[in-house]
PDB file of N, CA and C in Angstrom:
ATOM      1  N   UNK A   1    -108.025-115.390 168.120  1.00  0.00           N
ATOM      2  CA  UNK A   1    -107.951-113.995 167.729  1.00  0.00           C
ATOM      3  C   UNK A   1    -106.796-113.823 166.755  1.00  0.00           C
ATOM      4  N   UNK A   2    -107.058-113.242 165.617  1.00  0.00           N
ATOM      5  CA  UNK A   2    -106.027-113.097 164.618  1.00  0.00           C
ATOM      6  C   UNK A   2    -105.334-111.744 164.676  1.00  0.00           C
ATOM      7  N   UNK A   3    -106.031-110.692 165.047  1.00  0.00           N
ATOM      8  CA  UNK A   3    -105.477-109.348 165.028  1.00  0.00           C
ATOM      9  C   UNK A   3    -105.235-108.843 166.440  1.00  0.00           C
ATOM     10  N   UNK A   4    -104.269-109.424 167.124  1.00  0.00           N
ATOM     11  CA  UNK A   4    -103.963-109.029 168.485  1.00  0.00           C
ATOM     12  C   UNK A   4    -103.248-107.690 168.502  1.00  0.00           C
ATOM     13  N   UNK A   5    -103.506-106.914 169.523  1.00  0.00           N
ATOM     14  CA  UNK A   5    -102.852-105.632 169.703  1.00  0.00           C
ATOM     15  C   UNK A   5    -101.483-105.863 170.306  1.00  0.00           C
ATOM     16  N   UNK A   6    -100.462-105.232 169.735  1.00  0.00           N
ATOM     17  CA  UNK A   6     -99.114-105.342 170.294  1.00  0.00           C
ATOM     18  C   UNK A   6     -98.717-104.004 170.890  1.00  0.00           C
ATOM     19  N   UNK A   7     -97.890-104.072 171.919  1.00  0.00           N
ATOM     20  CA  UNK A   7     -97.341-102.878 172.544  1.00  0.00           C
ATOM     21  C   UNK A   7     -96.020-103.238 173.189  1.00  0.00           C
ATOM     22  N   UNK A   8     -95.291-102.226 173.609  1.00  0.00           N
ATOM     23  CA  UNK A   8     -93.983-102.455 174.209  1.00  0.00           C
ATOM     24  C   UNK A   8     -94.065-102.125 175.693  1.00  0.00           C
ATOM     25  N   UNK A   9     -93.642-103.072 176.517  1.00  0.00           N
ATOM     26  CA  UNK A   9     -93.579-102.882 177.959  1.00  0.00           C
ATOM     27  C   UNK A   9     -92.118-102.925 178.390  1.00  0.00           C
ATOM     28  N   UNK A  10     -91.853-102.379 179.550  1.00  0.00           N
ATOM     29  CA  UNK A  10     -90.512-102.418 180.110  1.00  0.00           C
ATOM     30  C   UNK A  10     -90.520-103.359 181.298  1.00  0.00           C
ATOM     31  N   UNK A  11     -89.571-104.308 181.326  1.00  0.00           N
ATOM     32  CA  UNK A  11     -89.506-105.227 182.458  1.00  0.00           C
ATOM     33  C   UNK A  11     -88.780-104.577 183.625  1.00  0.00           C
ATOM     34  N   UNK A  12     -88.666-105.332 184.730  1.00  0.00           N
ATOM     35  CA  UNK A  12     -88.067-104.775 185.941  1.00  0.00           C
ATOM     36  C   UNK A  12     -86.596-104.411 185.776  1.00  0.00           C
ATOM     37  N   UNK A  13     -85.936-104.926 184.715  1.00  0.00           N
ATOM     38  CA  UNK A  13     -84.538-104.602 184.454  1.00  0.00           C
ATOM     39  C   UNK A  13     -84.382-103.470 183.436  1.00  0.00           C
ATOM     40  N   UNK A  14     -85.506-102.900 182.996  1.00  0.00           N
ATOM     41  CA  UNK A  14     -85.461-101.805 182.037  1.00  0.00           C
ATOM     42  C   UNK A  14     -85.400-102.248 180.586  1.00  0.00           C
ATOM     43  N   UNK A  15     -85.527-103.547 180.330  1.00  0.00           N
ATOM     44  CA  UNK A  15     -85.520-104.060 178.960  1.00  0.00           C
ATOM     45  C   UNK A  15     -86.905-103.909 178.345  1.00  0.00           C
ATOM     46  N   UNK A  16     -86.937-103.499 177.075  1.00  0.00           N
ATOM     47  CA  UNK A  16     -88.211-103.385 176.387  1.00  0.00           C
ATOM     48  C   UNK A  16     -88.603-104.743 175.810  1.00  0.00           C
ATOM     49  N   UNK A  17     -89.875-105.088 175.976  1.00  0.00           N
ATOM     50  CA  UNK A  17     -90.399-106.360 175.481  1.00  0.00           C
ATOM     51  C   UNK A  17     -91.665-106.067 174.701  1.00  0.00           C
ATOM     52  N   UNK A  18     -91.719-106.567 173.473  1.00  0.00           N
ATOM     53  CA  UNK A  18     -92.938-106.418 172.684  1.00  0.00           C
ATOM     54  C   UNK A  18     -93.894-107.538 173.079  1.00  0.00           C
ATOM     55  N   UNK A  19     -95.110-107.161 173.448  1.00  0.00           N
ATOM     56  CA  UNK A  19     -96.112-108.130 173.882  1.00  0.00           C
ATOM     57  C   UNK A  19     -97.376-107.969 173.058  1.00  0.00           C
ATOM     58  N   UNK A  20     -98.159-109.040 173.040  1.00  0.00           N
ATOM     59  CA  UNK A  20     -99.470-109.034 172.390  1.00  0.00           C
ATOM     60  C   UNK A  20    -100.534-109.150 173.462  1.00  0.00           C
ATOM     61  N   UNK A  21    -101.597-108.378 173.315  1.00  0.00           N
ATOM     62  CA  UNK A  21    -102.753-108.555 174.183  1.00  0.00           C
ATOM     63  C   UNK A  21    -103.553-109.710 173.600  1.00  0.00           C
ATOM     64  N   UNK A  22    -103.686-110.772 174.381  1.00  0.00           N
ATOM     65  CA  UNK A  22    -104.390-111.963 173.917  1.00  0.00           C
ATOM     66  C   UNK A  22    -105.892-111.800 174.111  1.00  0.00           C
ATOM     67  N   UNK A  23    -106.275-111.342 175.307  1.00  0.00           N
ATOM     68  CA  UNK A  23    -107.693-111.179 175.603  1.00  0.00           C
ATOM     69  C   UNK A  23    -107.854-110.353 176.867  1.00  0.00           C
ATOM     70  N   UNK A  24    -109.083-109.951 177.128  1.00  0.00           N
ATOM     71  CA  UNK A  24    -109.416-109.215 178.342  1.00  0.00           C
ATOM     72  C   UNK A  24    -110.642-109.855 178.976  1.00  0.00           C
ATOM     73  N   UNK A  25    -110.810-109.599 180.269  1.00  0.00           N
ATOM     74  CA  UNK A  25    -112.029-110.028 180.940  1.00  0.00           C
ATOM     75  C   UNK A  25    -112.303-109.097 182.103  1.00  0.00           C
ATOM     76  N   UNK A  26    -113.569-109.075 182.521  1.00  0.00           N
ATOM     77  CA  UNK A  26    -113.966-108.275 183.679  1.00  0.00           C
ATOM     78  C   UNK A  26    -114.185-109.218 184.849  1.00  0.00           C
ATOM     79  N   UNK A  27    -113.670-108.825 186.004  1.00  0.00           N
ATOM     80  CA  UNK A  27    -113.846-109.618 187.221  1.00  0.00           C
ATOM     81  C   UNK A  27    -114.003-108.642 188.383  1.00  0.00           C
ATOM     82  N   UNK A  28    -115.132-108.748 189.049  1.00  0.00           N
ATOM     83  CA  UNK A  28    -115.454-107.902 190.202  1.00  0.00           C
ATOM     84  C   UNK A  28    -115.244-106.415 189.912  1.00  0.00           C
ATOM     85  N   UNK A  29    -115.729-105.993 188.734  1.00  0.00           N
ATOM     86  CA  UNK A  29    -115.706-104.587 188.370  1.00  0.00           C
ATOM     87  C   UNK A  29    -114.380-104.064 187.853  1.00  0.00           C
ATOM     88  N   UNK A  30    -113.394-104.924 187.711  1.00  0.00           N
ATOM     89  CA  UNK A  30    -112.095-104.504 187.194  1.00  0.00           C
ATOM     90  C   UNK A  30    -111.814-105.236 185.886  1.00  0.00           C
ATOM     91  N   UNK A  31    -110.993-104.613 185.045  1.00  0.00           N
ATOM     92  CA  UNK A  31    -110.628-105.204 183.765  1.00  0.00           C
ATOM     93  C   UNK A  31    -109.219-105.791 183.880  1.00  0.00           C
ATOM     94  N   UNK A  32    -109.084-107.039 183.413  1.00  0.00           N
ATOM     95  CA  UNK A  32    -107.793-107.727 183.423  1.00  0.00           C
ATOM     96  C   UNK A  32    -107.423-108.106 181.993  1.00  0.00           C
ATOM     97  N   UNK A  33    -106.128-108.084 181.724  1.00  0.00           N
ATOM     98  CA  UNK A  33    -105.613-108.315 180.382  1.00  0.00           C
ATOM     99  C   UNK A  33    -104.616-109.461 180.415  1.00  0.00           C
ATOM    100  N   UNK A  34    -104.764-110.407 179.473  1.00  0.00           N
ATOM    101  CA  UNK A  34    -103.782-111.480 179.308  1.00  0.00           C
ATOM    102  C   UNK A  34    -102.862-111.077 178.164  1.00  0.00           C
ATOM    103  N   UNK A  35    -101.549-111.156 178.416  1.00  0.00           N
ATOM    104  CA  UNK A  35    -100.549-110.790 177.411  1.00  0.00           C
ATOM    105  C   UNK A  35     -99.494-111.873 177.326  1.00  0.00           C
ATOM    106  N   UNK A  36     -98.879-111.951 176.151  1.00  0.00           N
ATOM    107  CA  UNK A  36     -97.739-112.834 175.980  1.00  0.00           C
ATOM    108  C   UNK A  36     -96.730-112.134 175.085  1.00  0.00           C
ATOM    109  N   UNK A  37     -95.484-112.583 175.161  1.00  0.00           N
ATOM    110  CA  UNK A  37     -94.453-111.989 174.322  1.00  0.00           C
ATOM    111  C   UNK A  37     -94.839-112.167 172.865  1.00  0.00           C
ATOM    112  N   UNK A  38     -94.688-111.104 172.080  1.00  0.00           N
ATOM    113  CA  UNK A  38     -95.066-111.142 170.667  1.00  0.00           C
ATOM    114  C   UNK A  38     -94.241-112.197 169.943  1.00  0.00           C
ATOM    115  N   UNK A  39     -94.900-112.931 169.078  1.00  0.00           N
ATOM    116  CA  UNK A  39     -94.241-113.996 168.332  1.00  0.00           C
ATOM    117  C   UNK A  39     -93.629-113.402 167.072  1.00  0.00           C
ATOM    118  N   UNK A  40     -92.300-113.500 166.987  1.00  0.00           N
ATOM    119  CA  UNK A  40     -91.593-112.977 165.827  1.00  0.00           C
ATOM    120  C   UNK A  40     -91.038-114.094 164.948  1.00  0.00           C
ATOM    121  N   UNK A  41     -90.891-115.276 165.525  1.00  0.00           N
ATOM    122  CA  UNK A  41     -90.360-116.425 164.810  1.00  0.00           C
ATOM    123  C   UNK A  41     -91.514-117.378 164.511  1.00  0.00           C
ATOM    124  N   UNK A  42     -91.772-117.687 163.234  1.00  0.00           N
ATOM    125  CA  UNK A  42     -92.901-118.572 162.900  1.00  0.00           C
ATOM    126  C   UNK A  42     -92.863-119.917 163.624  1.00  0.00           C
ATOM    127  N   UNK A  43     -91.676-120.406 163.967  1.00  0.00           N
ATOM    128  CA  UNK A  43     -91.601-121.681 164.683  1.00  0.00           C
ATOM    129  C   UNK A  43     -92.195-121.578 166.086  1.00  0.00           C
ATOM    130  N   UNK A  44     -92.226-120.365 166.645  1.00  0.00           N
ATOM    131  CA  UNK A  44     -92.834-120.173 167.966  1.00  0.00           C
ATOM    132  C   UNK A  44     -94.333-120.448 167.923  1.00  0.00           C
ATOM    133  N   UNK A  45     -94.939-120.301 166.754  1.00  0.00           N
ATOM    134  CA  UNK A  45     -96.377-120.570 166.625  1.00  0.00           C
ATOM    135  C   UNK A  45     -96.699-122.021 166.942  1.00  0.00           C
ATOM    136  N   UNK A  46     -95.723-122.895 166.762  1.00  0.00           N
ATOM    137  CA  UNK A  46     -95.935-124.316 167.026  1.00  0.00           C
ATOM    138  C   UNK A  46     -95.855-124.650 168.511  1.00  0.00           C
ATOM    139  N   UNK A  47     -95.306-123.743 169.311  1.00  0.00           N
ATOM    140  CA  UNK A  47     -95.151-123.967 170.747  1.00  0.00           C
ATOM    141  C   UNK A  47     -96.478-123.714 171.438  1.00  0.00           C
ATOM    142  N   UNK A  48     -97.153-124.789 171.835  1.00  0.00           N
ATOM    143  CA  UNK A  48     -98.471-124.645 172.461  1.00  0.00           C
ATOM    144  C   UNK A  48     -98.384-124.375 173.955  1.00  0.00           C
ATOM    145  N   UNK A  49     -97.173-124.391 174.508  1.00  0.00           N
ATOM    146  CA  UNK A  49     -97.004-124.151 175.939  1.00  0.00           C
ATOM    147  C   UNK A  49     -96.540-122.726 176.225  1.00  0.00           C
ATOM    148  N   UNK A  50     -96.928-121.787 175.379  1.00  0.00           N
ATOM    149  CA  UNK A  50     -96.522-120.405 175.564  1.00  0.00           C
ATOM    150  C   UNK A  50     -97.052-119.867 176.886  1.00  0.00           C
ATOM    151  N   UNK A  51     -96.220-119.113 177.554  1.00  0.00           N
ATOM    152  CA  UNK A  51     -96.581-118.532 178.838  1.00  0.00           C
ATOM    153  C   UNK A  51     -97.232-117.177 178.606  1.00  0.00           C
ATOM    154  N   UNK A  52     -98.246-116.869 179.401  1.00  0.00           N
ATOM    155  CA  UNK A  52     -98.868-115.556 179.303  1.00  0.00           C
ATOM    156  C   UNK A  52     -98.885-114.912 180.687  1.00  0.00           C
ATOM    157  N   UNK A  53     -99.097-113.606 180.682  1.00  0.00           N
ATOM    158  CA  UNK A  53     -99.063-112.820 181.909  1.00  0.00           C
ATOM    159  C   UNK A  53    -100.390-112.091 182.059  1.00  0.00           C
ATOM    160  N   UNK A  54    -100.803-111.893 183.303  1.00  0.00           N
ATOM    161  CA  UNK A  54    -102.072-111.224 183.572  1.00  0.00           C
ATOM    162  C   UNK A  54    -101.794-109.904 184.284  1.00  0.00           C
ATOM    163  N   UNK A  55    -102.368-108.840 183.743  1.00  0.00           N
ATOM    164  CA  UNK A  55    -102.237-107.503 184.314  1.00  0.00           C
ATOM    165  C   UNK A  55    -103.622-106.913 184.540  1.00  0.00           C
ATOM    166  N   UNK A  56    -103.701-106.005 185.486  1.00  0.00           N
ATOM    167  CA  UNK A  56    -104.932-105.236 185.693  1.00  0.00           C
ATOM    168  C   UNK A  56    -104.810-103.942 184.912  1.00  0.00           C
ATOM    169  N   UNK A  57    -105.877-103.567 184.200  1.00  0.00           N
ATOM    170  CA  UNK A  57    -105.921-102.292 183.503  1.00  0.00           C
ATOM    171  C   UNK A  57    -106.265-101.222 184.534  1.00  0.00           C
ATOM    172  N   UNK A  58    -105.401-100.237 184.689  1.00  0.00           N
ATOM    173  CA  UNK A  58    -105.606 -99.208 185.710  1.00  0.00           C
ATOM    174  C   UNK A  58    -105.591 -97.820 185.071  1.00  0.00           C
ATOM    175  N   UNK A  59    -106.348 -96.910 185.685  1.00  0.00           N
ATOM    176  CA  UNK A  59    -106.359 -95.513 185.263  1.00  0.00           C
ATOM    177  C   UNK A  59    -105.480 -94.721 186.210  1.00  0.00           C
ATOM    178  N   UNK A  60    -104.689 -93.846 185.650  1.00  0.00           N
ATOM    179  CA  UNK A  60    -103.851 -93.010 186.502  1.00  0.00           C
ATOM    180  C   UNK A  60    -103.397 -91.769 185.766  1.00  0.00           C
ATOM    181  N   UNK A  61    -103.572 -90.636 186.383  1.00  0.00           N
ATOM    182  CA  UNK A  61    -103.119 -89.355 185.857  1.00  0.00           C
ATOM    183  C   UNK A  61    -103.498 -89.142 184.391  1.00  0.00           C
ATOM    184  N   UNK A  62    -104.753 -89.401 184.069  1.00  0.00           N
ATOM    185  CA  UNK A  62    -105.261 -89.148 182.733  1.00  0.00           C
ATOM    186  C   UNK A  62    -104.880 -90.179 181.683  1.00  0.00           C
ATOM    187  N   UNK A  63    -104.237 -91.260 182.081  1.00  0.00           N
ATOM    188  CA  UNK A  63    -103.841 -92.293 181.119  1.00  0.00           C
ATOM    189  C   UNK A  63    -104.099 -93.664 181.721  1.00  0.00           C
ATOM    190  N   UNK A  64    -104.236 -94.646 180.851  1.00  0.00           N
ATOM    191  CA  UNK A  64    -104.402 -96.021 181.315  1.00  0.00           C
ATOM    192  C   UNK A  64    -103.057 -96.720 181.290  1.00  0.00           C
ATOM    193  N   UNK A  65    -102.909 -97.677 182.188  1.00  0.00           N
ATOM    194  CA  UNK A  65    -101.683 -98.454 182.238  1.00  0.00           C
ATOM    195  C   UNK A  65    -101.993 -99.855 182.738  1.00  0.00           C
ATOM    196  N   UNK A  66    -100.939-100.625 182.963  1.00  0.00           N
ATOM    197  CA  UNK A  66    -101.089-102.009 183.391  1.00  0.00           C
ATOM    198  C   UNK A  66    -100.338-102.218 184.700  1.00  0.00           C
ATOM    199  N   UNK A  67    -100.992-102.892 185.634  1.00  0.00           N
ATOM    200  CA  UNK A  67    -100.369-103.224 186.911  1.00  0.00           C
ATOM    201  C   UNK A  67    -100.357-104.735 187.060  1.00  0.00           C
ATOM    202  N   UNK A  68     -99.225-105.303 187.482  1.00  0.00           N
ATOM    203  CA  UNK A  68     -99.187-106.759 187.677  1.00  0.00           C
ATOM    204  C   UNK A  68    -100.139-107.178 188.790  1.00  0.00           C
ATOM    205  N   UNK A  69    -100.725-108.358 188.644  1.00  0.00           N
ATOM    206  CA  UNK A  69    -101.596-108.914 189.678  1.00  0.00           C
ATOM    207  C   UNK A  69    -100.690-109.671 190.643  1.00  0.00           C
ATOM    208  N   UNK A  70    -100.648-109.221 191.885  1.00  0.00           N
ATOM    209  CA  UNK A  70     -99.726-109.814 192.851  1.00  0.00           C
ATOM    210  C   UNK A  70    -100.399-110.759 193.837  1.00  0.00           C
ATOM    211  N   UNK A  71    -101.721-110.700 193.947  1.00  0.00           N
ATOM    212  CA  UNK A  71    -102.468-111.578 194.844  1.00  0.00           C
ATOM    213  C   UNK A  71    -102.565-112.960 194.196  1.00  0.00           C
ATOM    214  N   UNK A  72    -101.893-113.949 194.775  1.00  0.00           N
ATOM    215  CA  UNK A  72    -101.835-115.297 194.192  1.00  0.00           C
ATOM    216  C   UNK A  72    -103.219-115.930 194.047  1.00  0.00           C
ATOM    217  N   UNK A  73    -104.093-115.719 195.035  1.00  0.00           N
ATOM    218  CA  UNK A  73    -105.442-116.271 194.965  1.00  0.00           C
ATOM    219  C   UNK A  73    -106.227-115.676 193.806  1.00  0.00           C
ATOM    220  N   UNK A  74    -106.142-114.359 193.659  1.00  0.00           N
ATOM    221  CA  UNK A  74    -106.812-113.677 192.554  1.00  0.00           C
ATOM    222  C   UNK A  74    -106.209-114.125 191.227  1.00  0.00           C
ATOM    223  N   UNK A  75    -104.902-114.253 191.191  1.00  0.00           N
ATOM    224  CA  UNK A  75    -104.227-114.693 189.964  1.00  0.00           C
ATOM    225  C   UNK A  75    -104.720-116.071 189.533  1.00  0.00           C
ATOM    226  N   UNK A  76    -104.908-116.973 190.499  1.00  0.00           N
ATOM    227  CA  UNK A  76    -105.425-118.312 190.193  1.00  0.00           C
ATOM    228  C   UNK A  76    -106.836-118.244 189.601  1.00  0.00           C
ATOM    229  N   UNK A  77    -107.684-117.397 190.194  1.00  0.00           N
ATOM    230  CA  UNK A  77    -109.060-117.246 189.704  1.00  0.00           C
ATOM    231  C   UNK A  77    -109.054-116.687 188.281  1.00  0.00           C
ATOM    232  N   UNK A  78    -108.235-115.668 188.052  1.00  0.00           N
ATOM    233  CA  UNK A  78    -108.168-115.053 186.726  1.00  0.00           C
ATOM    234  C   UNK A  78    -107.606-116.022 185.689  1.00  0.00           C
ATOM    235  N   UNK A  79    -106.579-116.774 186.074  1.00  0.00           N
ATOM    236  CA  UNK A  79    -105.982-117.746 185.156  1.00  0.00           C
ATOM    237  C   UNK A  79    -107.013-118.794 184.753  1.00  0.00           C
ATOM    238  N   UNK A  80    -107.819-119.234 185.715  1.00  0.00           N
ATOM    239  CA  UNK A  80    -108.873-120.207 185.425  1.00  0.00           C
ATOM    240  C   UNK A  80    -109.872-119.631 184.418  1.00  0.00           C
ATOM    241  N   UNK A  81    -110.244-118.367 184.607  1.00  0.00           N
ATOM    242  CA  UNK A  81    -111.197-117.726 183.697  1.00  0.00           C
ATOM    243  C   UNK A  81    -110.594-117.558 182.305  1.00  0.00           C
ATOM    244  N   UNK A  82    -109.337-117.119 182.239  1.00  0.00           N
ATOM    245  CA  UNK A  82    -108.698-116.969 180.932  1.00  0.00           C
ATOM    246  C   UNK A  82    -108.558-118.321 180.244  1.00  0.00           C
ATOM    247  N   UNK A  83    -108.199-119.359 180.989  1.00  0.00           N
ATOM    248  CA  UNK A  83    -108.062-120.696 180.396  1.00  0.00           C
ATOM    249  C   UNK A  83    -109.390-121.167 179.804  1.00  0.00           C
ATOM    250  N   UNK A  84    -110.497-120.862 180.479  1.00  0.00           N
ATOM    251  CA  UNK A  84    -111.820-121.227 179.954  1.00  0.00           C
ATOM    252  C   UNK A  84    -112.089-120.490 178.645  1.00  0.00           C
ATOM    253  N   UNK A  85    -111.691-119.234 178.578  1.00  0.00           N
ATOM    254  CA  UNK A  85    -111.855-118.468 177.340  1.00  0.00           C
ATOM    255  C   UNK A  85    -111.012-119.083 176.231  1.00  0.00           C
ATOM    256  N   UNK A  86    -109.747-119.386 176.541  1.00  0.00           N
ATOM    257  CA  UNK A  86    -108.853-119.964 175.535  1.00  0.00           C
ATOM    258  C   UNK A  86    -109.380-121.317 175.061  1.00  0.00           C
ATOM    259  N   UNK A  87    -109.904-122.119 175.988  1.00  0.00           N
ATOM    260  CA  UNK A  87    -110.472-123.420 175.620  1.00  0.00           C
ATOM    261  C   UNK A  87    -111.668-123.244 174.683  1.00  0.00           C
ATOM    262  N   UNK A  88    -112.456-122.198 174.901  1.00  0.00           N
ATOM    263  CA  UNK A  88    -113.612-121.975 174.036  1.00  0.00           C
ATOM    264  C   UNK A  88    -113.147-121.630 172.619  1.00  0.00           C
ATOM    265  N   UNK A  89    -111.987-120.961 172.476  1.00  0.00           N
ATOM    266  CA  UNK A  89    -111.437-120.693 171.142  1.00  0.00           C
ATOM    267  C   UNK A  89    -111.086-122.003 170.460  1.00  0.00           C
ATOM    268  N   UNK A  90    -110.462-122.915 171.215  1.00  0.00           N
ATOM    269  CA  UNK A  90    -110.096-124.218 170.659  1.00  0.00           C
ATOM    270  C   UNK A  90    -111.341-124.969 170.214  1.00  0.00           C
ATOM    271  N   UNK A  91    -112.399-124.928 171.028  1.00  0.00           N
ATOM    272  CA  UNK A  91    -113.653-125.592 170.683  1.00  0.00           C
ATOM    273  C   UNK A  91    -114.246-124.998 169.414  1.00  0.00           C
ATOM    274  N   UNK A  92    -114.197-123.658 169.287  1.00  0.00           N
ATOM    275  CA  UNK A  92    -114.715-122.988 168.098  1.00  0.00           C
ATOM    276  C   UNK A  92    -113.922-123.396 166.866  1.00  0.00           C
ATOM    277  N   UNK A  93    -112.584-123.488 167.005  1.00  0.00           N
ATOM    278  CA  UNK A  93    -111.736-123.891 165.878  1.00  0.00           C
ATOM    279  C   UNK A  93    -112.062-125.311 165.436  1.00  0.00           C
ATOM    280  N   UNK A  94    -112.294-126.213 166.393  1.00  0.00           N
ATOM    281  CA  UNK A  94    -112.620-127.601 166.060  1.00  0.00           C
ATOM    282  C   UNK A  94    -113.963-127.679 165.348  1.00  0.00           C
ATOM    283  N   UNK A  95    -114.950-126.881 165.791  1.00  0.00           N
ATOM    284  CA  UNK A  95    -116.255-126.875 165.136  1.00  0.00           C
ATOM    285  C   UNK A  95    -116.132-126.349 163.711  1.00  0.00           C
ATOM    286  N   UNK A  96    -115.289-125.310 163.500  1.00  0.00           N
ATOM    287  CA  UNK A  96    -115.092-124.758 162.166  1.00  0.00           C
ATOM    288  C   UNK A  96    -114.465-125.789 161.232  1.00  0.00           C
ATOM    289  N   UNK A  97    -113.529-126.582 161.760  1.00  0.00           N
ATOM    290  CA  UNK A  97    -112.868-127.603 160.955  1.00  0.00           C
ATOM    291  C   UNK A  97    -113.833-128.713 160.546  1.00  0.00           C
ATOM    292  N   UNK A  98    -114.818-129.004 161.404  1.00  0.00           N
ATOM    293  CA  UNK A  98    -115.784-130.059 161.123  1.00  0.00           C
ATOM    294  C   UNK A  98    -116.823-129.617 160.097  1.00  0.00           C
ATOM    295  N   UNK A  99    -117.010-128.315 159.943  1.00  0.00           N
ATOM    296  CA  UNK A  99    -118.032-127.790 159.016  1.00  0.00           C
ATOM    297  C   UNK A  99    -117.592-127.874 157.580  1.00  0.00           C
TER     298      UNK A  99
END
């Protein structure tokens, strides 16, 4: 994905962090979002071990927000699904290079 959506979240210490939405998926009727810290340094693009975070998209008081996924079992299932999506991007990129 080339045009990721960026937004600013506040961590538990009140610090603002700019993040990119990498992808979304639906699981058991709920929407989950994978995010990672926005890349501001071009050298970070070379780091293939970037960490990402998974949040649930929630509705509340007329607005949408993000809630951390705290169930470790669910987090494992979601991480597996997101990894499969990310792997499919890599496969698509390799096919494009071969064409």
